[in-house]
Amino acid sequence: MKRNEMRKKINEELKHIPRASFSQNMLREYYNGMRMTDLSQNSACPAKETLIKVVEAMKKDKPDFLPIYDRKFFN
């Protein structure tokens, strides 16, 4: 998958992770970076897989973090 195709796909996915608190915005930022990596390694990588990795990484530093995202989209 080409970089511009990945960007377009990720931007569409980010519409399902809203902006909110500082932590929520960090989730979006981490998701963006991790998703680029995941898609560059495997273009068939499910969005849910990336989201789970990002949430787990964030919960290491902020165990009480409750992410906000479209659960239907990431299922």
PDB file of N, CA and C in Angstrom:
ATOM      1  N   MET A   1       0.854  -1.178   0.000  1.00  0.00           N
ATOM      2  CA  MET A   1       0.000   0.000   0.000  1.00  0.00           C
ATOM      3  C   MET A   1       0.897   1.238   0.000  1.00  0.00           C
ATOM      4  N   LYS A   2       0.553   2.191  -0.837  1.00  0.00           N
ATOM      5  CA  LYS A   2       1.336   3.419  -0.927  1.00  0.00           C
ATOM      6  C   LYS A   2       1.021   4.350   0.234  1.00  0.00           C
ATOM      7  N   ARG A   3       1.993   5.219   0.527  1.00  0.00           N
ATOM      8  CA  ARG A   3       1.861   6.136   1.667  1.00  0.00           C
ATOM      9  C   ARG A   3       0.586   6.970   1.594  1.00  0.00           C
ATOM     10  N   ASN A   4       0.286   7.526   0.426  1.00  0.00           N
ATOM     11  CA  ASN A   4      -0.915   8.367   0.323  1.00  0.00           C
ATOM     12  C   ASN A   4      -2.192   7.544   0.502  1.00  0.00           C
ATOM     13  N   GLU A   5      -2.174   6.289   0.106  1.00  0.00           N
ATOM     14  CA  GLU A   5      -3.329   5.412   0.337  1.00  0.00           C
ATOM     15  C   GLU A   5      -3.491   5.125   1.827  1.00  0.00           C
ATOM     16  N   MET A   6      -2.349   4.901   2.510  1.00  0.00           N
ATOM     17  CA  MET A   6      -2.394   4.659   3.957  1.00  0.00           C
ATOM     18  C   MET A   6      -2.942   5.885   4.678  1.00  0.00           C
ATOM     19  N   ARG A   7      -2.457   7.081   4.293  1.00  0.00           N
ATOM     20  CA  ARG A   7      -2.926   8.331   4.919  1.00  0.00           C
ATOM     21  C   ARG A   7      -4.440   8.474   4.785  1.00  0.00           C
ATOM     22  N   LYS A   8      -4.942   8.227   3.585  1.00  0.00           N
ATOM     23  CA  LYS A   8      -6.371   8.360   3.333  1.00  0.00           C
ATOM     24  C   LYS A   8      -7.155   7.377   4.205  1.00  0.00           C
ATOM     25  N   LYS A   9      -6.699   6.135   4.258  1.00  0.00           N
ATOM     26  CA  LYS A   9      -7.363   5.117   5.068  1.00  0.00           C
ATOM     27  C   LYS A   9      -7.348   5.496   6.555  1.00  0.00           C
ATOM     28  N   ILE A  10      -6.194   5.933   7.041  1.00  0.00           N
ATOM     29  CA  ILE A  10      -6.061   6.302   8.453  1.00  0.00           C
ATOM     30  C   ILE A  10      -6.932   7.513   8.778  1.00  0.00           C
ATOM     31  N   ASN A  11      -6.970   8.497   7.907  1.00  0.00           N
ATOM     32  CA  ASN A  11      -7.820   9.666   8.147  1.00  0.00           C
ATOM     33  C   ASN A  11      -9.290   9.277   8.247  1.00  0.00           C
ATOM     34  N   GLU A  12      -9.714   8.314   7.438  1.00  0.00           N
ATOM     35  CA  GLU A  12     -11.094   7.824   7.533  1.00  0.00           C
ATOM     36  C   GLU A  12     -11.319   7.117   8.873  1.00  0.00           C
ATOM     37  N   GLU A  13     -10.343   6.325   9.291  1.00  0.00           N
ATOM     38  CA  GLU A  13     -10.463   5.603  10.568  1.00  0.00           C
ATOM     39  C   GLU A  13     -10.469   6.561  11.751  1.00  0.00           C
ATOM     40  N   LEU A  14      -9.678   7.624  11.672  1.00  0.00           N
ATOM     41  CA  LEU A  14      -9.614   8.591  12.771  1.00  0.00           C
ATOM     42  C   LEU A  14     -10.938   9.326  12.979  1.00  0.00           C
ATOM     43  N   LYS A  15     -11.791   9.316  11.983  1.00  0.00           N
ATOM     44  CA  LYS A  15     -13.121   9.908  12.157  1.00  0.00           C
ATOM     45  C   LYS A  15     -13.927   9.140  13.208  1.00  0.00           C
ATOM     46  N   HIS A  16     -13.491   7.932  13.518  1.00  0.00           N
ATOM     47  CA  HIS A  16     -14.190   7.081  14.484  1.00  0.00           C
ATOM     48  C   HIS A  16     -13.517   7.080  15.855  1.00  0.00           C
ATOM     49  N   ILE A  17     -12.497   7.945  16.000  1.00  0.00           N
ATOM     50  CA  ILE A  17     -11.838   8.162  17.296  1.00  0.00           C
ATOM     51  C   ILE A  17     -11.896   9.667  17.532  1.00  0.00           C
ATOM     52  N   PRO A  18     -12.868  10.135  18.288  1.00  0.00           N
ATOM     53  CA  PRO A  18     -13.069  11.587  18.420  1.00  0.00           C
ATOM     54  C   PRO A  18     -11.968  12.288  19.226  1.00  0.00           C
ATOM     55  N   ARG A  19     -11.823  13.569  18.957  1.00  0.00           N
ATOM     56  CA  ARG A  19     -10.954  14.422  19.769  1.00  0.00           C
ATOM     57  C   ARG A  19     -11.684  14.704  21.075  1.00  0.00           C
ATOM     58  N   ALA A  20     -10.918  14.858  22.142  1.00  0.00           N
ATOM     59  CA  ALA A  20     -11.526  15.206  23.434  1.00  0.00           C
ATOM     60  C   ALA A  20     -10.424  15.679  24.377  1.00  0.00           C
ATOM     61  N   SER A  21     -10.187  14.918  25.435  1.00  0.00           N
ATOM     62  CA  SER A  21      -9.187  15.274  26.441  1.00  0.00           C
ATOM     63  C   SER A  21      -7.774  15.110  25.882  1.00  0.00           C
ATOM     64  N   PHE A  22      -6.803  15.528  26.677  1.00  0.00           N
ATOM     65  CA  PHE A  22      -5.406  15.363  26.284  1.00  0.00           C
ATOM     66  C   PHE A  22      -5.098  13.893  26.007  1.00  0.00           C
ATOM     67  N   SER A  23      -5.519  13.013  26.897  1.00  0.00           N
ATOM     68  CA  SER A  23      -5.258  11.578  26.731  1.00  0.00           C
ATOM     69  C   SER A  23      -5.939  11.025  25.480  1.00  0.00           C
ATOM     70  N   GLN A  24      -7.142  11.476  25.230  1.00  0.00           N
ATOM     71  CA  GLN A  24      -7.865  11.022  24.034  1.00  0.00           C
ATOM     72  C   GLN A  24      -7.139  11.483  22.765  1.00  0.00           C
ATOM     73  N   ASN A  25      -6.625  12.703  22.791  1.00  0.00           N
ATOM     74  CA  ASN A  25      -5.881  13.207  21.641  1.00  0.00           C
ATOM     75  C   ASN A  25      -4.565  12.448  21.468  1.00  0.00           C
ATOM     76  N   MET A  26      -3.964  12.035  22.581  1.00  0.00           N
ATOM     77  CA  MET A  26      -2.753  11.214  22.498  1.00  0.00           C
ATOM     78  C   MET A  26      -3.085   9.855  21.882  1.00  0.00           C
ATOM     79  N   LEU A  27      -4.241   9.309  22.221  1.00  0.00           N
ATOM     80  CA  LEU A  27      -4.682   8.055  21.612  1.00  0.00           C
ATOM     81  C   LEU A  27      -4.720   8.214  20.090  1.00  0.00           C
ATOM     82  N   ARG A  28      -5.295   9.288  19.624  1.00  0.00           N
ATOM     83  CA  ARG A  28      -5.376   9.542  18.180  1.00  0.00           C
ATOM     84  C   ARG A  28      -3.980   9.649  17.561  1.00  0.00           C
ATOM     85  N   GLU A  29      -3.088  10.351  18.245  1.00  0.00           N
ATOM     86  CA  GLU A  29      -1.729  10.519  17.732  1.00  0.00           C
ATOM     87  C   GLU A  29      -0.996   9.173  17.676  1.00  0.00           C
ATOM     88  N   TYR A  30      -1.075   8.401  18.748  1.00  0.00           N
ATOM     89  CA  TYR A  30      -0.434   7.083  18.782  1.00  0.00           C
ATOM     90  C   TYR A  30      -1.040   6.158  17.735  1.00  0.00           C
ATOM     91  N   TYR A  31      -2.353   6.220  17.604  1.00  0.00           N
ATOM     92  CA  TYR A  31      -3.027   5.384  16.613  1.00  0.00           C
ATOM     93  C   TYR A  31      -2.514   5.708  15.212  1.00  0.00           C
ATOM     94  N   ASN A  32      -2.402   6.974  14.923  1.00  0.00           N
ATOM     95  CA  ASN A  32      -1.939   7.411  13.609  1.00  0.00           C
ATOM     96  C   ASN A  32      -0.564   6.810  13.295  1.00  0.00           C
ATOM     97  N   GLY A  33       0.368   6.942  14.219  1.00  0.00           N
ATOM     98  CA  GLY A  33       1.720   6.425  14.004  1.00  0.00           C
ATOM     99  C   GLY A  33       1.771   4.910  13.931  1.00  0.00           C
ATOM    100  N   MET A  34       1.102   4.258  14.865  1.00  0.00           N
ATOM    101  CA  MET A  34       1.102   2.795  14.901  1.00  0.00           C
ATOM    102  C   MET A  34       0.402   2.221  13.674  1.00  0.00           C
ATOM    103  N   ARG A  35      -0.640   2.886  13.242  1.00  0.00           N
ATOM    104  CA  ARG A  35      -1.393   2.395  12.081  1.00  0.00           C
ATOM    105  C   ARG A  35      -0.555   2.478  10.812  1.00  0.00           C
ATOM    106  N   MET A  36       0.227   3.555  10.677  1.00  0.00           N
ATOM    107  CA  MET A  36       1.130   3.668   9.528  1.00  0.00           C
ATOM    108  C   MET A  36       2.117   2.499   9.522  1.00  0.00           C
ATOM    109  N   THR A  37       2.658   2.187  10.687  1.00  0.00           N
ATOM    110  CA  THR A  37       3.604   1.074  10.801  1.00  0.00           C
ATOM    111  C   THR A  37       2.922  -0.243  10.454  1.00  0.00           C
ATOM    112  N   ASP A  38       1.752  -0.475  11.050  1.00  0.00           N
ATOM    113  CA  ASP A  38       1.033  -1.731  10.813  1.00  0.00           C
ATOM    114  C   ASP A  38       0.677  -1.908   9.336  1.00  0.00           C
ATOM    115  N   LEU A  39       0.172  -0.858   8.716  1.00  0.00           N
ATOM    116  CA  LEU A  39      -0.218  -0.963   7.308  1.00  0.00           C
ATOM    117  C   LEU A  39       0.988  -1.115   6.383  1.00  0.00           C
ATOM    118  N   SER A  40       2.116  -0.532   6.759  1.00  0.00           N
ATOM    119  CA  SER A  40       3.307  -0.679   5.921  1.00  0.00           C
ATOM    120  C   SER A  40       3.854  -2.109   5.988  1.00  0.00           C
ATOM    121  N   GLN A  41       3.602  -2.787   7.112  1.00  0.00           N
ATOM    122  CA  GLN A  41       4.059  -4.171   7.262  1.00  0.00           C
ATOM    123  C   GLN A  41       3.044  -5.174   6.725  1.00  0.00           C
ATOM    124  N   ASN A  42       1.758  -4.832   6.865  1.00  0.00           N
ATOM    125  CA  ASN A  42       0.693  -5.729   6.421  1.00  0.00           C
ATOM    126  C   ASN A  42      -0.525  -4.887   6.057  1.00  0.00           C
ATOM    127  N   SER A  43      -0.766  -4.714   4.784  1.00  0.00           N
ATOM    128  CA  SER A  43      -1.865  -3.845   4.353  1.00  0.00           C
ATOM    129  C   SER A  43      -3.243  -4.403   4.719  1.00  0.00           C
ATOM    130  N   ALA A  44      -3.312  -5.673   5.116  1.00  0.00           N
ATOM    131  CA  ALA A  44      -4.580  -6.286   5.517  1.00  0.00           C
ATOM    132  C   ALA A  44      -4.792  -6.249   7.035  1.00  0.00           C
ATOM    133  N   CYS A  45      -3.898  -5.594   7.752  1.00  0.00           N
ATOM    134  CA  CYS A  45      -4.004  -5.523   9.214  1.00  0.00           C
ATOM    135  C   CYS A  45      -5.318  -4.838   9.603  1.00  0.00           C
ATOM    136  N   PRO A  46      -6.129  -5.485  10.455  1.00  0.00           N
ATOM    137  CA  PRO A  46      -7.395  -4.871  10.868  1.00  0.00           C
ATOM    138  C   PRO A  46      -7.178  -3.644  11.758  1.00  0.00           C
ATOM    139  N   ALA A  47      -8.017  -2.651  11.600  1.00  0.00           N
ATOM    140  CA  ALA A  47      -7.937  -1.431  12.408  1.00  0.00           C
ATOM    141  C   ALA A  47      -8.073  -1.760  13.891  1.00  0.00           C
ATOM    142  N   LYS A  48      -8.905  -2.728  14.213  1.00  0.00           N
ATOM    143  CA  LYS A  48      -9.127  -3.115  15.613  1.00  0.00           C
ATOM    144  C   LYS A  48      -7.827  -3.585  16.261  1.00  0.00           C
ATOM    145  N   GLU A  49      -7.010  -4.305  15.511  1.00  0.00           N
ATOM    146  CA  GLU A  49      -5.741  -4.809  16.039  1.00  0.00           C
ATOM    147  C   GLU A  49      -4.825  -3.655  16.447  1.00  0.00           C
ATOM    148  N   THR A  50      -4.748  -2.652  15.599  1.00  0.00           N
ATOM    149  CA  THR A  50      -3.934  -1.476  15.903  1.00  0.00           C
ATOM    150  C   THR A  50      -4.490  -0.751  17.121  1.00  0.00           C
ATOM    151  N   LEU A  51      -5.785  -0.559  17.169  1.00  0.00           N
ATOM    152  CA  LEU A  51      -6.409   0.155  18.281  1.00  0.00           C
ATOM    153  C   LEU A  51      -6.138  -0.562  19.602  1.00  0.00           C
ATOM    154  N   ILE A  52      -6.249  -1.875  19.620  1.00  0.00           N
ATOM    155  CA  ILE A  52      -6.002  -2.639  20.846  1.00  0.00           C
ATOM    156  C   ILE A  52      -4.565  -2.426  21.327  1.00  0.00           C
ATOM    157  N   LYS A  53      -3.608  -2.474  20.411  1.00  0.00           N
ATOM    158  CA  LYS A  53      -2.202  -2.265  20.795  1.00  0.00           C
ATOM    159  C   LYS A  53      -1.985  -0.876  21.381  1.00  0.00           C
ATOM    160  N   VAL A  54      -2.603   0.118  20.767  1.00  0.00           N
ATOM    161  CA  VAL A  54      -2.430   1.496  21.226  1.00  0.00           C
ATOM    162  C   VAL A  54      -3.063   1.692  22.604  1.00  0.00           C
ATOM    163  N   VAL A  55      -4.265   1.179  22.792  1.00  0.00           N
ATOM    164  CA  VAL A  55      -4.945   1.323  24.088  1.00  0.00           C
ATOM    165  C   VAL A  55      -4.142   0.615  25.178  1.00  0.00           C
ATOM    166  N   GLU A  56      -3.645  -0.579  24.896  1.00  0.00           N
ATOM    167  CA  GLU A  56      -2.842  -1.307  25.886  1.00  0.00           C
ATOM    168  C   GLU A  56      -1.583  -0.527  26.253  1.00  0.00           C
ATOM    169  N   ALA A  57      -0.927   0.060  25.269  1.00  0.00           N
ATOM    170  CA  ALA A  57       0.278   0.855  25.524  1.00  0.00           C
ATOM    171  C   ALA A  57      -0.049   2.074  26.387  1.00  0.00           C
ATOM    172  N   MET A  58      -1.158   2.731  26.098  1.00  0.00           N
ATOM    173  CA  MET A  58      -1.542   3.914  26.872  1.00  0.00           C
ATOM    174  C   MET A  58      -1.914   3.550  28.303  1.00  0.00           C
ATOM    175  N   LYS A  59      -2.546   2.406  28.489  1.00  0.00           N
ATOM    176  CA  LYS A  59      -2.984   2.003  29.834  1.00  0.00           C
ATOM    177  C   LYS A  59      -1.805   1.646  30.738  1.00  0.00           C
ATOM    178  N   LYS A  60      -0.636   1.389  30.161  1.00  0.00           N
ATOM    179  CA  LYS A  60       0.555   1.147  30.978  1.00  0.00           C
ATOM    180  C   LYS A  60       0.915   2.392  31.776  1.00  0.00           C
ATOM    181  N   ASP A  61       0.768   3.553  31.154  1.00  0.00           N
ATOM    182  CA  ASP A  61       1.075   4.826  31.815  1.00  0.00           C
ATOM    183  C   ASP A  61      -0.130   5.420  32.533  1.00  0.00           C
ATOM    184  N   LYS A  62      -1.304   5.177  31.996  1.00  0.00           N
ATOM    185  CA  LYS A  62      -2.545   5.731  32.564  1.00  0.00           C
ATOM    186  C   LYS A  62      -3.562   4.609  32.695  1.00  0.00           C
ATOM    187  N   PRO A  63      -3.463   3.805  33.754  1.00  0.00           N
ATOM    188  CA  PRO A  63      -4.351   2.646  33.883  1.00  0.00           C
ATOM    189  C   PRO A  63      -5.843   2.994  33.953  1.00  0.00           C
ATOM    190  N   ASP A  64      -6.170   4.215  34.335  1.00  0.00           N
ATOM    191  CA  ASP A  64      -7.578   4.613  34.439  1.00  0.00           C
ATOM    192  C   ASP A  64      -8.109   5.231  33.140  1.00  0.00           C
ATOM    193  N   PHE A  65      -7.296   5.256  32.093  1.00  0.00           N
ATOM    194  CA  PHE A  65      -7.710   5.845  30.816  1.00  0.00           C
ATOM    195  C   PHE A  65      -8.853   5.047  30.199  1.00  0.00           C
ATOM    196  N   LEU A  66      -9.913   5.752  29.814  1.00  0.00           N
ATOM    197  CA  LEU A  66     -11.059   5.144  29.146  1.00  0.00           C
ATOM    198  C   LEU A  66     -11.162   5.726  27.739  1.00  0.00           C
ATOM    199  N   PRO A  67     -10.732   4.970  26.754  1.00  0.00           N
ATOM    200  CA  PRO A  67     -10.757   5.495  25.384  1.00  0.00           C
ATOM    201  C   PRO A  67     -12.176   5.656  24.846  1.00  0.00           C
ATOM    202  N   ILE A  68     -12.341   6.643  24.005  1.00  0.00           N
ATOM    203  CA  ILE A  68     -13.617   6.883  23.337  1.00  0.00           C
ATOM    204  C   ILE A  68     -13.416   6.577  21.860  1.00  0.00           C
ATOM    205  N   TYR A  69     -14.195   5.649  21.342  1.00  0.00           N
ATOM    206  CA  TYR A  69     -14.123   5.309  19.925  1.00  0.00           C
ATOM    207  C   TYR A  69     -15.403   4.614  19.508  1.00  0.00           C
ATOM    208  N   ASP A  70     -15.637   4.565  18.228  1.00  0.00           N
ATOM    209  CA  ASP A  70     -16.825   3.937  17.660  1.00  0.00           C
ATOM    210  C   ASP A  70     -16.655   2.420  17.717  1.00  0.00           C
ATOM    211  N   ARG A  71     -17.288   1.805  18.697  1.00  0.00           N
ATOM    212  CA  ARG A  71     -17.118   0.374  18.919  1.00  0.00           C
ATOM    213  C   ARG A  71     -17.654  -0.478  17.770  1.00  0.00           C
ATOM    214  N   LYS A  72     -18.671  -0.006  17.091  1.00  0.00           N
ATOM    215  CA  LYS A  72     -19.179  -0.748  15.929  1.00  0.00           C
ATOM    216  C   LYS A  72     -18.160  -0.759  14.790  1.00  0.00           C
ATOM    217  N   PHE A  73     -17.504   0.367  14.587  1.00  0.00           N
ATOM    218  CA  PHE A  73     -16.525   0.465  13.505  1.00  0.00           C
ATOM    219  C   PHE A  73     -15.312  -0.428  13.774  1.00  0.00           C
ATOM    220  N   PHE A  74     -14.841  -0.438  15.030  1.00  0.00           N
ATOM    221  CA  PHE A  74     -13.635  -1.189  15.372  1.00  0.00           C
ATOM    222  C   PHE A  74     -13.961  -2.597  15.857  1.00  0.00           C
ATOM    223  N   ASN A  75     -14.980  -3.206  15.295  1.00  0.00           N
ATOM    224  CA  ASN A  75     -15.333  -4.583  15.674  1.00  0.00           C
ATOM    225  C   ASN A  75     -15.291  -5.501  14.520  1.00  0.00           C
TER     226      ASN A  75
END
